[in-house]
């Protein structure tokens, strides 16, 4: 999970993905990038919702592997 703060002159999330080479680094792992603003709270709920989904998916994948 990548949470990035929003600035007026900041990189867009897609540019940050490119700059950090997240698609290459994170390869086959599930991940999510979310722009947020701490002062207004914009994007924070969405980030936590995505984190929750990623954790649930991870636990589901772990149980599925265990019972195969």
N, C-alpha and C. Protein backbone atom coordinates (compact mmCIF):
# COMPACT_ATOMS: atom_id res chain seq x y z
N UNK A 1 0.85 -1.16 0.00
CA UNK A 1 0.00 0.00 0.00
C UNK A 1 0.90 1.23 0.00
N UNK A 2 0.69 2.09 -0.93
CA UNK A 2 1.44 3.34 -1.01
C UNK A 2 0.45 4.47 -0.82
N UNK A 3 0.66 5.27 0.22
CA UNK A 3 -0.19 6.43 0.47
C UNK A 3 0.67 7.66 0.21
N UNK A 4 0.26 8.50 -0.71
CA UNK A 4 1.07 9.68 -1.03
C UNK A 4 0.30 10.95 -0.69
N UNK A 5 1.04 11.87 -0.12
CA UNK A 5 0.45 13.16 0.22
C UNK A 5 0.30 14.00 -1.04
N UNK A 6 -0.73 14.81 -1.07
CA UNK A 6 -1.01 15.63 -2.23
C UNK A 6 -0.45 17.04 -2.00
N UNK A 7 0.33 17.51 -2.94
CA UNK A 7 0.82 18.89 -2.97
C UNK A 7 0.41 19.48 -4.31
N UNK A 8 0.38 20.79 -4.39
CA UNK A 8 0.03 21.40 -5.66
C UNK A 8 1.09 21.12 -6.72
N UNK A 9 2.35 21.01 -6.31
CA UNK A 9 3.43 20.77 -7.28
C UNK A 9 3.99 19.35 -7.18
N UNK A 10 3.26 18.45 -6.55
CA UNK A 10 3.74 17.08 -6.35
C UNK A 10 3.50 16.23 -7.59
N UNK A 11 4.21 15.10 -7.62
CA UNK A 11 3.99 14.13 -8.68
C UNK A 11 2.60 13.53 -8.55
N UNK A 12 1.97 13.26 -9.65
CA UNK A 12 0.70 12.53 -9.64
C UNK A 12 1.00 11.08 -9.24
N UNK A 13 0.02 10.36 -8.67
CA UNK A 13 0.27 8.97 -8.29
C UNK A 13 0.83 8.12 -9.43
N UNK A 14 0.33 8.31 -10.64
CA UNK A 14 0.83 7.52 -11.77
C UNK A 14 2.29 7.82 -12.07
N UNK A 15 2.69 9.09 -11.92
CA UNK A 15 4.09 9.45 -12.12
C UNK A 15 4.96 8.87 -11.01
N UNK A 16 4.42 8.82 -9.79
CA UNK A 16 5.15 8.24 -8.67
C UNK A 16 5.37 6.74 -8.89
N UNK A 17 4.36 6.07 -9.43
CA UNK A 17 4.49 4.65 -9.76
C UNK A 17 5.64 4.45 -10.74
N UNK A 18 5.70 5.31 -11.75
CA UNK A 18 6.78 5.22 -12.73
C UNK A 18 8.13 5.53 -12.11
N UNK A 19 8.20 6.61 -11.34
CA UNK A 19 9.48 7.05 -10.76
C UNK A 19 10.05 6.00 -9.81
N UNK A 20 9.19 5.38 -8.99
CA UNK A 20 9.63 4.36 -8.03
C UNK A 20 9.68 2.96 -8.62
N UNK A 21 9.26 2.85 -9.89
CA UNK A 21 9.23 1.57 -10.59
C UNK A 21 8.45 0.52 -9.79
N UNK A 22 7.30 0.94 -9.27
CA UNK A 22 6.51 0.06 -8.41
C UNK A 22 6.02 -1.19 -9.13
N UNK A 23 5.67 -1.06 -10.39
CA UNK A 23 5.19 -2.24 -11.11
C UNK A 23 6.29 -3.30 -11.22
N UNK A 24 7.53 -2.86 -11.40
CA UNK A 24 8.65 -3.81 -11.47
C UNK A 24 9.00 -4.33 -10.08
N UNK A 25 9.09 -3.44 -9.11
CA UNK A 25 9.51 -3.81 -7.75
C UNK A 25 8.49 -4.73 -7.07
N UNK A 26 7.21 -4.40 -7.23
CA UNK A 26 6.18 -5.17 -6.54
C UNK A 26 5.69 -6.36 -7.35
N UNK A 27 6.11 -6.42 -8.59
CA UNK A 27 5.87 -7.58 -9.44
C UNK A 27 4.49 -8.18 -9.32
N UNK A 28 4.42 -9.44 -8.90
CA UNK A 28 3.17 -10.17 -8.84
C UNK A 28 2.36 -9.93 -7.58
N UNK A 29 2.80 -9.00 -6.74
CA UNK A 29 2.08 -8.72 -5.49
C UNK A 29 0.91 -7.77 -5.75
N UNK A 30 -0.13 -7.90 -4.96
CA UNK A 30 -1.25 -6.95 -5.05
C UNK A 30 -0.84 -5.69 -4.31
N UNK A 31 -1.13 -4.55 -4.89
CA UNK A 31 -0.79 -3.28 -4.26
C UNK A 31 -1.75 -2.20 -4.75
N UNK A 32 -1.71 -1.08 -4.07
CA UNK A 32 -2.61 0.04 -4.39
C UNK A 32 -1.89 1.33 -4.05
N UNK A 33 -2.05 2.33 -4.87
CA UNK A 33 -1.51 3.66 -4.55
C UNK A 33 -2.70 4.62 -4.42
N UNK A 34 -2.64 5.48 -3.40
CA UNK A 34 -3.76 6.38 -3.13
C UNK A 34 -3.23 7.76 -2.77
N UNK A 35 -3.68 8.77 -3.48
CA UNK A 35 -3.36 10.15 -3.12
C UNK A 35 -4.22 10.55 -1.93
N UNK A 36 -3.62 11.25 -0.97
CA UNK A 36 -4.35 11.68 0.22
C UNK A 36 -4.00 13.11 0.58
N UNK A 37 -4.84 13.71 1.40
CA UNK A 37 -4.58 15.04 1.95
C UNK A 37 -4.91 14.98 3.43
N UNK A 38 -3.89 15.11 4.27
CA UNK A 38 -4.08 14.99 5.71
C UNK A 38 -4.96 16.10 6.28
N UNK A 39 -4.81 17.32 5.77
CA UNK A 39 -5.57 18.43 6.36
C UNK A 39 -7.07 18.34 6.06
N UNK A 40 -7.44 17.87 4.87
CA UNK A 40 -8.86 17.77 4.54
C UNK A 40 -9.41 16.35 4.71
N UNK A 41 -8.49 15.37 4.76
CA UNK A 41 -8.92 13.98 4.89
C UNK A 41 -9.24 13.32 3.56
N UNK A 42 -9.11 14.07 2.48
CA UNK A 42 -9.41 13.50 1.15
C UNK A 42 -8.52 12.29 0.88
N UNK A 43 -9.14 11.21 0.46
CA UNK A 43 -8.42 10.01 0.08
C UNK A 43 -8.06 9.07 1.22
N UNK A 44 -8.15 9.55 2.46
CA UNK A 44 -7.74 8.71 3.61
C UNK A 44 -8.70 7.53 3.77
N UNK A 45 -9.99 7.78 3.70
CA UNK A 45 -10.97 6.70 3.82
C UNK A 45 -10.77 5.68 2.71
N UNK A 46 -10.57 6.17 1.49
CA UNK A 46 -10.34 5.26 0.36
C UNK A 46 -9.08 4.43 0.58
N UNK A 47 -8.03 5.05 1.11
CA UNK A 47 -6.78 4.33 1.38
C UNK A 47 -7.00 3.22 2.41
N UNK A 48 -7.74 3.53 3.48
CA UNK A 48 -7.99 2.52 4.51
C UNK A 48 -8.89 1.40 3.99
N UNK A 49 -9.84 1.76 3.15
CA UNK A 49 -10.72 0.76 2.55
C UNK A 49 -9.90 -0.19 1.64
N UNK A 50 -8.99 0.38 0.87
CA UNK A 50 -8.14 -0.44 0.01
C UNK A 50 -7.19 -1.31 0.82
N UNK A 51 -6.65 -0.76 1.91
CA UNK A 51 -5.78 -1.54 2.78
C UNK A 51 -6.54 -2.72 3.37
N UNK A 52 -7.76 -2.48 3.81
CA UNK A 52 -8.59 -3.54 4.36
C UNK A 52 -8.82 -4.64 3.33
N UNK A 53 -9.12 -4.24 2.09
CA UNK A 53 -9.34 -5.22 1.01
C UNK A 53 -8.07 -6.01 0.73
N UNK A 54 -6.92 -5.35 0.71
CA UNK A 54 -5.65 -6.04 0.47
C UNK A 54 -5.35 -7.06 1.57
N UNK A 55 -5.62 -6.69 2.82
CA UNK A 55 -5.38 -7.61 3.94
C UNK A 55 -6.32 -8.81 3.85
N UNK A 56 -7.60 -8.56 3.56
CA UNK A 56 -8.56 -9.66 3.42
C UNK A 56 -8.15 -10.59 2.29
N UNK A 57 -7.74 -10.02 1.17
CA UNK A 57 -7.30 -10.84 0.03
C UNK A 57 -6.07 -11.67 0.42
N UNK A 58 -5.15 -11.06 1.15
CA UNK A 58 -3.95 -11.76 1.56
C UNK A 58 -4.31 -12.95 2.45
N UNK A 59 -5.16 -12.73 3.44
CA UNK A 59 -5.57 -13.81 4.34
C UNK A 59 -6.31 -14.91 3.57
N UNK A 60 -7.16 -14.52 2.65
CA UNK A 60 -7.87 -15.50 1.83
C UNK A 60 -6.89 -16.33 1.01
N UNK A 61 -5.91 -15.66 0.40
CA UNK A 61 -4.91 -16.37 -0.40
C UNK A 61 -4.09 -17.32 0.46
N UNK A 62 -3.77 -16.92 1.68
CA UNK A 62 -2.99 -17.77 2.58
C UNK A 62 -3.78 -19.02 2.97
N UNK A 63 -5.06 -18.84 3.28
CA UNK A 63 -5.90 -20.00 3.64
C UNK A 63 -6.07 -20.93 2.46
N UNK A 64 -6.24 -20.37 1.27
CA UNK A 64 -6.42 -21.19 0.07
C UNK A 64 -5.17 -22.03 -0.19
N UNK A 65 -4.01 -21.46 -0.02
CA UNK A 65 -2.76 -22.21 -0.24
C UNK A 65 -2.60 -23.31 0.79
N UNK A 66 -3.00 -23.04 2.03
CA UNK A 66 -2.83 -23.99 3.11
C UNK A 66 -3.70 -25.23 2.90
N UNK A 67 -4.91 -25.04 2.40
CA UNK A 67 -5.85 -26.16 2.27
C UNK A 67 -5.77 -26.88 0.93
N UNK A 68 -4.85 -26.52 0.09
CA UNK A 68 -4.71 -27.22 -1.20
C UNK A 68 -3.98 -28.52 -1.03
